[in-house]
PDB file of N, CA and C in Angstrom:
ATOM      1  N   MET A   1       8.623  35.777 -10.732  1.00  0.00           N
ATOM      2  CA  MET A   1       8.701  35.342 -12.111  1.00  0.00           C
ATOM      3  C   MET A   1       9.228  36.494 -12.957  1.00  0.00           C
ATOM      4  N   MET A   2      10.100  36.174 -13.846  1.00  0.00           N
ATOM      5  CA  MET A   2      10.616  37.173 -14.770  1.00  0.00           C
ATOM      6  C   MET A   2       9.924  37.007 -16.122  1.00  0.00           C
ATOM      7  N   ILE A   3       9.415  38.094 -16.644  1.00  0.00           N
ATOM      8  CA  ILE A   3       8.771  38.084 -17.956  1.00  0.00           C
ATOM      9  C   ILE A   3       9.870  37.962 -19.016  1.00  0.00           C
ATOM     10  N   ASN A   4       9.653  37.071 -19.978  1.00  0.00           N
ATOM     11  CA  ASN A   4      10.672  36.873 -21.006  1.00  0.00           C
ATOM     12  C   ASN A   4      10.254  37.502 -22.337  1.00  0.00           C
ATOM     13  N   LYS A   5      11.185  37.480 -23.269  1.00  0.00           N
ATOM     14  CA  LYS A   5      10.973  38.084 -24.585  1.00  0.00           C
ATOM     15  C   LYS A   5       9.788  37.448 -25.315  1.00  0.00           C
ATOM     16  N   LEU A   6       9.676  36.123 -25.244  1.00  0.00           N
ATOM     17  CA  LEU A   6       8.573  35.453 -25.937  1.00  0.00           C
ATOM     18  C   LEU A   6       7.220  35.899 -25.387  1.00  0.00           C
ATOM     19  N   SER A   7       7.106  36.036 -24.074  1.00  0.00           N
ATOM     20  CA  SER A   7       5.854  36.514 -23.478  1.00  0.00           C
ATOM     21  C   SER A   7       5.494  37.900 -23.997  1.00  0.00           C
ATOM     22  N   ALA A   8       6.501  38.763 -24.128  1.00  0.00           N
ATOM     23  CA  ALA A   8       6.260  40.112 -24.639  1.00  0.00           C
ATOM     24  C   ALA A   8       5.815  40.072 -26.097  1.00  0.00           C
ATOM     25  N   ILE A   9       6.457  39.239 -26.897  1.00  0.00           N
ATOM     26  CA  ILE A   9       6.090  39.142 -28.314  1.00  0.00           C
ATOM     27  C   ILE A   9       4.671  38.616 -28.455  1.00  0.00           C
ATOM     28  N   VAL A  10       4.325  37.576 -27.701  1.00  0.00           N
ATOM     29  CA  VAL A  10       2.970  37.025 -27.750  1.00  0.00           C
ATOM     30  C   VAL A  10       1.959  38.087 -27.347  1.00  0.00           C
ATOM     31  N   SER A  11       2.286  38.882 -26.348  1.00  0.00           N
ATOM     32  CA  SER A  11       1.393  39.955 -25.919  1.00  0.00           C
ATOM     33  C   SER A  11       1.189  40.980 -27.029  1.00  0.00           C
ATOM     34  N   LEU A  12       2.221  41.223 -27.793  1.00  0.00           N
ATOM     35  CA  LEU A  12       2.153  42.236 -28.857  1.00  0.00           C
ATOM     36  C   LEU A  12       1.484  41.737 -30.139  1.00  0.00           C
ATOM     37  N   VAL A  13       1.732  40.475 -30.532  1.00  0.00           N
ATOM     38  CA  VAL A  13       1.253  40.021 -31.841  1.00  0.00           C
ATOM     39  C   VAL A  13       0.290  38.841 -31.798  1.00  0.00           C
ATOM     40  N   GLY A  14       0.104  38.232 -30.645  1.00  0.00           N
ATOM     41  CA  GLY A  14      -0.770  37.071 -30.553  1.00  0.00           C
ATOM     42  C   GLY A  14       0.038  35.795 -30.372  1.00  0.00           C
ATOM     43  N   GLU A  15      -0.657  34.694 -30.245  1.00  0.00           N
ATOM     44  CA  GLU A  15      -0.014  33.442 -29.864  1.00  0.00           C
ATOM     45  C   GLU A  15       0.560  32.640 -31.016  1.00  0.00           C
ATOM     46  N   SER A  16       0.451  33.102 -32.233  1.00  0.00           N
ATOM     47  CA  SER A  16       0.945  32.322 -33.365  1.00  0.00           C
ATOM     48  C   SER A  16       2.421  32.606 -33.621  1.00  0.00           C
ATOM     49  N   VAL A  17       3.229  32.342 -32.601  1.00  0.00           N
ATOM     50  CA  VAL A  17       4.683  32.485 -32.732  1.00  0.00           C
ATOM     51  C   VAL A  17       5.346  31.296 -32.052  1.00  0.00           C
ATOM     52  N   LYS A  18       6.530  30.985 -32.507  1.00  0.00           N
ATOM     53  CA  LYS A  18       7.355  29.961 -31.883  1.00  0.00           C
ATOM     54  C   LYS A  18       8.749  30.542 -31.711  1.00  0.00           C
ATOM     55  N   MET A  19       9.460  30.012 -30.751  1.00  0.00           N
ATOM     56  CA  MET A  19      10.818  30.466 -30.532  1.00  0.00           C
ATOM     57  C   MET A  19      11.711  29.238 -30.470  1.00  0.00           C
ATOM     58  N   SER A  20      12.799  29.291 -31.185  1.00  0.00           N
ATOM     59  CA  SER A  20      13.797  28.223 -31.172  1.00  0.00           C
ATOM     60  C   SER A  20      15.137  28.888 -30.916  1.00  0.00           C
ATOM     61  N   GLY A  21      15.678  28.644 -29.727  1.00  0.00           N
ATOM     62  CA  GLY A  21      16.900  29.351 -29.347  1.00  0.00           C
ATOM     63  C   GLY A  21      16.585  30.826 -29.225  1.00  0.00           C
ATOM     64  N   ASP A  22      17.288  31.641 -29.971  1.00  0.00           N
ATOM     65  CA  ASP A  22      17.037  33.092 -29.970  1.00  0.00           C
ATOM     66  C   ASP A  22      16.191  33.534 -31.151  1.00  0.00           C
ATOM     67  N   GLU A  23      15.804  32.587 -32.004  1.00  0.00           N
ATOM     68  CA  GLU A  23      15.068  32.939 -33.214  1.00  0.00           C
ATOM     69  C   GLU A  23      13.566  32.806 -33.004  1.00  0.00           C
ATOM     70  N   VAL A  24      12.822  33.831 -33.443  1.00  0.00           N
ATOM     71  CA  VAL A  24      11.366  33.847 -33.314  1.00  0.00           C
ATOM     72  C   VAL A  24      10.769  33.609 -34.697  1.00  0.00           C
ATOM     73  N   PHE A  25       9.800  32.707 -34.748  1.00  0.00           N
ATOM     74  CA  PHE A  25       9.102  32.402 -35.993  1.00  0.00           C
ATOM     75  C   PHE A  25       7.665  32.890 -35.870  1.00  0.00           C
ATOM     76  N   TYR A  26       7.254  33.757 -36.793  1.00  0.00           N
ATOM     77  CA  TYR A  26       5.892  34.299 -36.826  1.00  0.00           C
ATOM     78  C   TYR A  26       5.085  33.424 -37.774  1.00  0.00           C
ATOM     79  N   LEU A  27       4.086  32.725 -37.248  1.00  0.00           N
ATOM     80  CA  LEU A  27       3.394  31.687 -37.999  1.00  0.00           C
ATOM     81  C   LEU A  27       2.244  32.189 -38.852  1.00  0.00           C
ATOM     82  N   ASP A  28       1.679  33.321 -38.544  1.00  0.00           N
ATOM     83  CA  ASP A  28       0.520  33.811 -39.296  1.00  0.00           C
ATOM     84  C   ASP A  28       0.817  35.099 -40.035  1.00  0.00           C
ATOM     85  N   GLY A  29       2.072  35.320 -40.381  1.00  0.00           N
ATOM     86  CA  GLY A  29       2.431  36.492 -41.156  1.00  0.00           C
ATOM     87  C   GLY A  29       2.365  37.804 -40.404  1.00  0.00           C
ATOM     88  N   GLN A  30       2.452  37.753 -39.068  1.00  0.00           N
ATOM     89  CA  GLN A  30       2.429  38.982 -38.299  1.00  0.00           C
ATOM     90  C   GLN A  30       3.659  39.826 -38.633  1.00  0.00           C
ATOM     91  N   THR A  31       3.530  41.113 -38.441  1.00  0.00           N
ATOM     92  CA  THR A  31       4.673  42.007 -38.578  1.00  0.00           C
ATOM     93  C   THR A  31       5.466  41.941 -37.278  1.00  0.00           C
ATOM     94  N   PRO A  32       6.719  41.545 -37.352  1.00  0.00           N
ATOM     95  CA  PRO A  32       7.513  41.465 -36.119  1.00  0.00           C
ATOM     96  C   PRO A  32       7.639  42.832 -35.455  1.00  0.00           C
ATOM     97  N   PRO A  33       7.449  42.895 -34.142  1.00  0.00           N
ATOM     98  CA  PRO A  33       7.608  44.172 -33.443  1.00  0.00           C
ATOM     99  C   PRO A  33       9.089  44.539 -33.354  1.00  0.00           C
ATOM    100  N   SER A  34       9.349  45.810 -33.184  1.00  0.00           N
ATOM    101  CA  SER A  34      10.726  46.270 -33.046  1.00  0.00           C
ATOM    102  C   SER A  34      11.298  45.811 -31.706  1.00  0.00           C
ATOM    103  N   GLU A  35      12.608  45.785 -31.603  1.00  0.00           N
ATOM    104  CA  GLU A  35      13.256  45.415 -30.335  1.00  0.00           C
ATOM    105  C   GLU A  35      12.857  46.382 -29.228  1.00  0.00           C
ATOM    106  N   SER A  36      12.726  47.665 -29.564  1.00  0.00           N
ATOM    107  CA  SER A  36      12.340  48.633 -28.534  1.00  0.00           C
ATOM    108  C   SER A  36      10.909  48.390 -28.062  1.00  0.00           C
ATOM    109  N   ALA A  37      10.016  47.972 -28.974  1.00  0.00           N
ATOM    110  CA  ALA A  37       8.642  47.650 -28.583  1.00  0.00           C
ATOM    111  C   ALA A  37       8.618  46.407 -27.697  1.00  0.00           C
ATOM    112  N   ILE A  38       9.447  45.428 -28.027  1.00  0.00           N
ATOM    113  CA  ILE A  38       9.524  44.206 -27.220  1.00  0.00           C
ATOM    114  C   ILE A  38      10.066  44.539 -25.829  1.00  0.00           C
ATOM    115  N   ASP A  39      11.136  45.321 -25.781  1.00  0.00           N
ATOM    116  CA  ASP A  39      11.725  45.708 -24.485  1.00  0.00           C
ATOM    117  C   ASP A  39      10.723  46.466 -23.626  1.00  0.00           C
ATOM    118  N   ALA A  40       9.979  47.380 -24.245  1.00  0.00           N
ATOM    119  CA  ALA A  40       8.977  48.156 -23.512  1.00  0.00           C
ATOM    120  C   ALA A  40       7.860  47.245 -22.996  1.00  0.00           C
ATOM    121  N   GLU A  41       7.487  46.243 -23.796  1.00  0.00           N
ATOM    122  CA  GLU A  41       6.426  45.320 -23.386  1.00  0.00           C
ATOM    123  C   GLU A  41       6.894  44.420 -22.246  1.00  0.00           C
ATOM    124  N   VAL A  42       8.154  44.002 -22.273  1.00  0.00           N
ATOM    125  CA  VAL A  42       8.699  43.223 -21.155  1.00  0.00           C
ATOM    126  C   VAL A  42       8.593  44.033 -19.868  1.00  0.00           C
ATOM    127  N   ILE A  43       8.972  45.297 -19.925  1.00  0.00           N
ATOM    128  CA  ILE A  43       8.911  46.174 -18.745  1.00  0.00           C
ATOM    129  C   ILE A  43       7.473  46.343 -18.277  1.00  0.00           C
ATOM    130  N   ARG A  44       6.548  46.570 -19.217  1.00  0.00           N
ATOM    131  CA  ARG A  44       5.142  46.758 -18.858  1.00  0.00           C
ATOM    132  C   ARG A  44       4.556  45.505 -18.227  1.00  0.00           C
ATOM    133  N   LEU A  45       4.804  44.349 -18.847  1.00  0.00           N
ATOM    134  CA  LEU A  45       4.267  43.092 -18.326  1.00  0.00           C
ATOM    135  C   LEU A  45       4.867  42.753 -16.964  1.00  0.00           C
ATOM    136  N   GLN A  46       6.166  43.027 -16.778  1.00  0.00           N
ATOM    137  CA  GLN A  46       6.795  42.751 -15.485  1.00  0.00           C
ATOM    138  C   GLN A  46       6.199  43.633 -14.395  1.00  0.00           C
ATOM    139  N   ALA A  47       5.970  44.915 -14.721  1.00  0.00           N
ATOM    140  CA  ALA A  47       5.371  45.832 -13.748  1.00  0.00           C
ATOM    141  C   ALA A  47       3.960  45.381 -13.388  1.00  0.00           C
ATOM    142  N   GLU A  48       3.194  44.936 -14.377  1.00  0.00           N
ATOM    143  CA  GLU A  48       1.837  44.440 -14.128  1.00  0.00           C
ATOM    144  C   GLU A  48       1.882  43.198 -13.242  1.00  0.00           C
ATOM    145  N   TYR A  49       2.778  42.274 -13.555  1.00  0.00           N
ATOM    146  CA  TYR A  49       2.908  41.057 -12.753  1.00  0.00           C
ATOM    147  C   TYR A  49       3.293  41.400 -11.316  1.00  0.00           C
ATOM    148  N   ASP A  50       4.286  42.260 -11.163  1.00  0.00           N
ATOM    149  CA  ASP A  50       4.757  42.629  -9.827  1.00  0.00           C
ATOM    150  C   ASP A  50       3.673  43.330  -9.015  1.00  0.00           C
ATOM    151  N   SER A  51       2.872  44.171  -9.670  1.00  0.00           N
ATOM    152  CA  SER A  51       1.840  44.919  -8.952  1.00  0.00           C
ATOM    153  C   SER A  51       0.688  44.038  -8.480  1.00  0.00           C
ATOM    154  N   ASN A  52       0.599  42.827  -9.014  1.00  0.00           N
ATOM    155  CA  ASN A  52      -0.469  41.903  -8.614  1.00  0.00           C
ATOM    156  C   ASN A  52       0.010  40.836  -7.641  1.00  0.00           C
ATOM    157  N   GLU A  53       1.152  41.041  -7.035  1.00  0.00           N
ATOM    158  CA  GLU A  53       1.694  40.096  -6.054  1.00  0.00           C
ATOM    159  C   GLU A  53       0.684  39.827  -4.936  1.00  0.00           C
ATOM    160  N   TYR A  54       0.009  40.875  -4.476  1.00  0.00           N
ATOM    161  CA  TYR A  54      -0.955  40.715  -3.386  1.00  0.00           C
ATOM    162  C   TYR A  54      -2.049  39.708  -3.741  1.00  0.00           C
ATOM    163  N   GLN A  55      -2.473  39.686  -5.008  1.00  0.00           N
ATOM    164  CA  GLN A  55      -3.526  38.756  -5.417  1.00  0.00           C
ATOM    165  C   GLN A  55      -3.048  37.316  -5.324  1.00  0.00           C
ATOM    166  N   ARG A  56      -1.825  37.063  -5.774  1.00  0.00           N
ATOM    167  CA  ARG A  56      -1.290  35.704  -5.710  1.00  0.00           C
ATOM    168  C   ARG A  56      -1.090  35.271  -4.260  1.00  0.00           C
ATOM    169  N   SER A  57      -0.636  36.188  -3.423  1.00  0.00           N
ATOM    170  CA  SER A  57      -0.427  35.864  -2.010  1.00  0.00           C
ATOM    171  C   SER A  57      -1.749  35.584  -1.312  1.00  0.00           C
ATOM    172  N   ARG A  58      -2.750  36.403  -1.586  1.00  0.00           N
ATOM    173  CA  ARG A  58      -4.063  36.188  -0.975  1.00  0.00           C
ATOM    174  C   ARG A  58      -4.652  34.849  -1.397  1.00  0.00           C
ATOM    175  N   ALA A  59      -4.531  34.524  -2.664  1.00  0.00           N
ATOM    176  CA  ALA A  59      -5.163  33.319  -3.198  1.00  0.00           C
ATOM    177  C   ALA A  59      -4.689  32.062  -2.481  1.00  0.00           C
ATOM    178  N   THR A  60      -3.434  32.046  -2.056  1.00  0.00           N
ATOM    179  CA  THR A  60      -2.928  30.856  -1.380  1.00  0.00           C
ATOM    180  C   THR A  60      -3.407  30.766   0.062  1.00  0.00           C
ATOM    181  N   GLU A  61      -3.874  31.877   0.629  1.00  0.00           N
ATOM    182  CA  GLU A  61      -4.289  31.876   2.032  1.00  0.00           C
ATOM    183  C   GLU A  61      -5.795  31.896   2.250  1.00  0.00           C
ATOM    184  N   TYR A  62      -6.555  32.270   1.231  1.00  0.00           N
ATOM    185  CA  TYR A  62      -8.008  32.246   1.400  1.00  0.00           C
ATOM    186  C   TYR A  62      -8.477  30.808   1.618  1.00  0.00           C
ATOM    187  N   PRO A  63      -9.503  30.638   2.455  1.00  0.00           N
ATOM    188  CA  PRO A  63     -10.096  29.301   2.588  1.00  0.00           C
ATOM    189  C   PRO A  63     -10.727  28.891   1.251  1.00  0.00           C
ATOM    190  N   THR A  64     -10.954  27.591   1.084  1.00  0.00           N
ATOM    191  CA  THR A  64     -11.634  27.129  -0.125  1.00  0.00           C
ATOM    192  C   THR A  64     -13.024  27.778  -0.174  1.00  0.00           C
ATOM    193  N   TRP A  65     -13.623  27.799  -1.328  1.00  0.00           N
ATOM    194  CA  TRP A  65     -14.960  28.408  -1.428  1.00  0.00           C
ATOM    195  C   TRP A  65     -15.973  27.607  -0.613  1.00  0.00           C
ATOM    196  N   GLN A  66     -15.744  26.280  -0.510  1.00  0.00           N
ATOM    197  CA  GLN A  66     -16.645  25.468   0.303  1.00  0.00           C
ATOM    198  C   GLN A  66     -16.563  25.893   1.778  1.00  0.00           C
ATOM    199  N   ASP A  67     -15.329  26.104   2.261  1.00  0.00           N
ATOM    200  CA  ASP A  67     -15.158  26.546   3.647  1.00  0.00           C
ATOM    201  C   ASP A  67     -15.714  27.954   3.853  1.00  0.00           C
ATOM    202  N   GLN A  68     -15.588  28.805   2.825  1.00  0.00           N
ATOM    203  CA  GLN A  68     -16.138  30.154   2.939  1.00  0.00           C
ATOM    204  C   GLN A  68     -17.664  30.107   3.020  1.00  0.00           C
ATOM    205  N   LEU A  69     -18.294  29.253   2.219  1.00  0.00           N
ATOM    206  CA  LEU A  69     -19.751  29.119   2.285  1.00  0.00           C
ATOM    207  C   LEU A  69     -20.184  28.575   3.643  1.00  0.00           C
ATOM    208  N   ASP A  70     -19.429  27.640   4.182  1.00  0.00           N
ATOM    209  CA  ASP A  70     -19.736  27.103   5.498  1.00  0.00           C
ATOM    210  C   ASP A  70     -19.599  28.189   6.565  1.00  0.00           C
ATOM    211  N   ASP A  71     -18.577  29.017   6.423  1.00  0.00           N
ATOM    212  CA  ASP A  71     -18.374  30.139   7.353  1.00  0.00           C
ATOM    213  C   ASP A  71     -19.555  31.106   7.287  1.00  0.00           C
ATOM    214  N   ILE A  72     -20.022  31.401   6.082  1.00  0.00           N
ATOM    215  CA  ILE A  72     -21.187  32.283   5.930  1.00  0.00           C
ATOM    216  C   ILE A  72     -22.413  31.649   6.587  1.00  0.00           C
ATOM    217  N   PHE A  73     -22.623  30.361   6.364  1.00  0.00           N
ATOM    218  CA  PHE A  73     -23.773  29.663   6.942  1.00  0.00           C
ATOM    219  C   PHE A  73     -23.754  29.749   8.470  1.00  0.00           C
ATOM    220  N   HIS A  74     -22.587  29.494   9.064  1.00  0.00           N
ATOM    221  CA  HIS A  74     -22.490  29.445  10.524  1.00  0.00           C
ATOM    222  C   HIS A  74     -22.302  30.808  11.180  1.00  0.00           C
ATOM    223  N   ASN A  75     -21.655  31.738  10.495  1.00  0.00           N
ATOM    224  CA  ASN A  75     -21.290  33.011  11.130  1.00  0.00           C
ATOM    225  C   ASN A  75     -21.854  34.246  10.431  1.00  0.00           C
ATOM    226  N   GLY A  76     -22.582  34.029   9.349  1.00  0.00           N
ATOM    227  CA  GLY A  76     -23.163  35.150   8.626  1.00  0.00           C
ATOM    228  C   GLY A  76     -22.123  35.885   7.786  1.00  0.00           C
ATOM    229  N   ILE A  77     -22.618  36.814   6.992  1.00  0.00           N
ATOM    230  CA  ILE A  77     -21.745  37.580   6.096  1.00  0.00           C
ATOM    231  C   ILE A  77     -20.715  38.378   6.891  1.00  0.00           C
ATOM    232  N   ASP A  78     -21.124  38.993   7.984  1.00  0.00           N
ATOM    233  CA  ASP A  78     -20.173  39.798   8.763  1.00  0.00           C
ATOM    234  C   ASP A  78     -19.057  38.938   9.352  1.00  0.00           C
ATOM    235  N   GLY A  79     -19.381  37.740   9.812  1.00  0.00           N
ATOM    236  CA  GLY A  79     -18.349  36.830  10.317  1.00  0.00           C
ATOM    237  C   GLY A  79     -17.393  36.404   9.213  1.00  0.00           C
ATOM    238  N   TRP A  80     -17.949  36.100   8.027  1.00  0.00           N
ATOM    239  CA  TRP A  80     -17.131  35.737   6.877  1.00  0.00           C
ATOM    240  C   TRP A  80     -16.217  36.880   6.484  1.00  0.00           C
ATOM    241  N   LYS A  81     -16.769  38.091   6.434  1.00  0.00           N
ATOM    242  CA  LYS A  81     -15.956  39.258   6.081  1.00  0.00           C
ATOM    243  C   LYS A  81     -14.794  39.426   7.048  1.00  0.00           C
ATOM    244  N   ALA A  82     -15.034  39.204   8.324  1.00  0.00           N
ATOM    245  CA  ALA A  82     -13.964  39.327   9.322  1.00  0.00           C
ATOM    246  C   ALA A  82     -12.862  38.299   9.062  1.00  0.00           C
ATOM    247  N   THR A  83     -13.256  37.082   8.695  1.00  0.00           N
ATOM    248  CA  THR A  83     -12.273  36.039   8.395  1.00  0.00           C
ATOM    249  C   THR A  83     -11.426  36.426   7.188  1.00  0.00           C
ATOM    250  N   ILE A  84     -12.080  36.882   6.134  1.00  0.00           N
ATOM    251  CA  ILE A  84     -11.388  37.243   4.894  1.00  0.00           C
ATOM    252  C   ILE A  84     -10.534  38.498   5.089  1.00  0.00           C
ATOM    253  N   GLN A  85     -11.000  39.413   5.925  1.00  0.00           N
ATOM    254  CA  GLN A  85     -10.287  40.678   6.121  1.00  0.00           C
ATOM    255  C   GLN A  85      -8.890  40.463   6.694  1.00  0.00           C
ATOM    256  N   VAL A  86      -8.702  39.406   7.471  1.00  0.00           N
ATOM    257  CA  VAL A  86      -7.379  39.101   8.027  1.00  0.00           C
ATOM    258  C   VAL A  86      -6.367  38.927   6.891  1.00  0.00           C
ATOM    259  N   THR A  87      -6.724  38.173   5.863  1.00  0.00           N
ATOM    260  CA  THR A  87      -5.839  37.961   4.716  1.00  0.00           C
ATOM    261  C   THR A  87      -5.691  39.244   3.909  1.00  0.00           C
ATOM    262  N   LYS A  88      -6.776  39.973   3.710  1.00  0.00           N
ATOM    263  CA  LYS A  88      -6.698  41.238   2.975  1.00  0.00           C
ATOM    264  C   LYS A  88      -5.774  42.226   3.680  1.00  0.00           C
ATOM    265  N   ASP A  89      -5.818  42.253   4.993  1.00  0.00           N
ATOM    266  CA  ASP A  89      -4.940  43.161   5.741  1.00  0.00           C
ATOM    267  C   ASP A  89      -3.480  42.719   5.663  1.00  0.00           C
ATOM    268  N   LYS A  90      -3.268  41.415   5.641  1.00  0.00           N
ATOM    269  CA  LYS A  90      -1.906  40.870   5.568  1.00  0.00           C
ATOM    270  C   LYS A  90      -1.264  41.186   4.216  1.00  0.00           C
ATOM    271  N   TYR A  91      -2.060  41.176   3.160  1.00  0.00           N
ATOM    272  CA  TYR A  91      -1.572  41.432   1.799  1.00  0.00           C
ATOM    273  C   TYR A  91      -2.396  42.549   1.152  1.00  0.00           C
ATOM    274  N   PRO A  92      -2.141  43.809   1.534  1.00  0.00           N
ATOM    275  CA  PRO A  92      -2.923  44.911   0.975  1.00  0.00           C
ATOM    276  C   PRO A  92      -2.607  45.152  -0.511  1.00  0.00           C
ATOM    277  N   LYS A  93      -3.545  45.768  -1.192  1.00  0.00           N
ATOM    278  CA  LYS A  93      -3.309  46.149  -2.579  1.00  0.00           C
ATOM    279  C   LYS A  93      -2.151  47.130  -2.603  1.00  0.00           C
ATOM    280  N   GLY A  94      -1.311  46.961  -3.657  1.00  0.00           N
ATOM    281  CA  GLY A  94      -0.111  47.791  -3.821  1.00  0.00           C
ATOM    282  C   GLY A  94      -0.400  49.212  -3.739  1.00  0.00           C
TER     283      GLY A  94
END
C-alpha cells in the first residue's frame, strides 16, 4: 500500500478534511500544514507501514482464536507456543 497525501494530512491535522481532486478542504479551521511537512509525514507513515509487514503477514496465517484455544486445551501452552512459533519464525520482526 502506498501512503497518499490525504492520509498524511489527516495524520497531521485530524480527520476533519476533505479532498476533491487535488484540492484539500479543512473543515474545522485547522492550519494547513506545509508541503514539506506533508511530504515528511508521507515518508514517515510509509516507513511505519512497511516496517509492520510482518504483523499483516502473521495475521493471515495464525489460526483463529477458537482454534488456538482448542490447541491450548489439547496440547497445553507449550504445544500452542510451538504452533504459533512456526508463523513467527516465517515472518520475523523487521
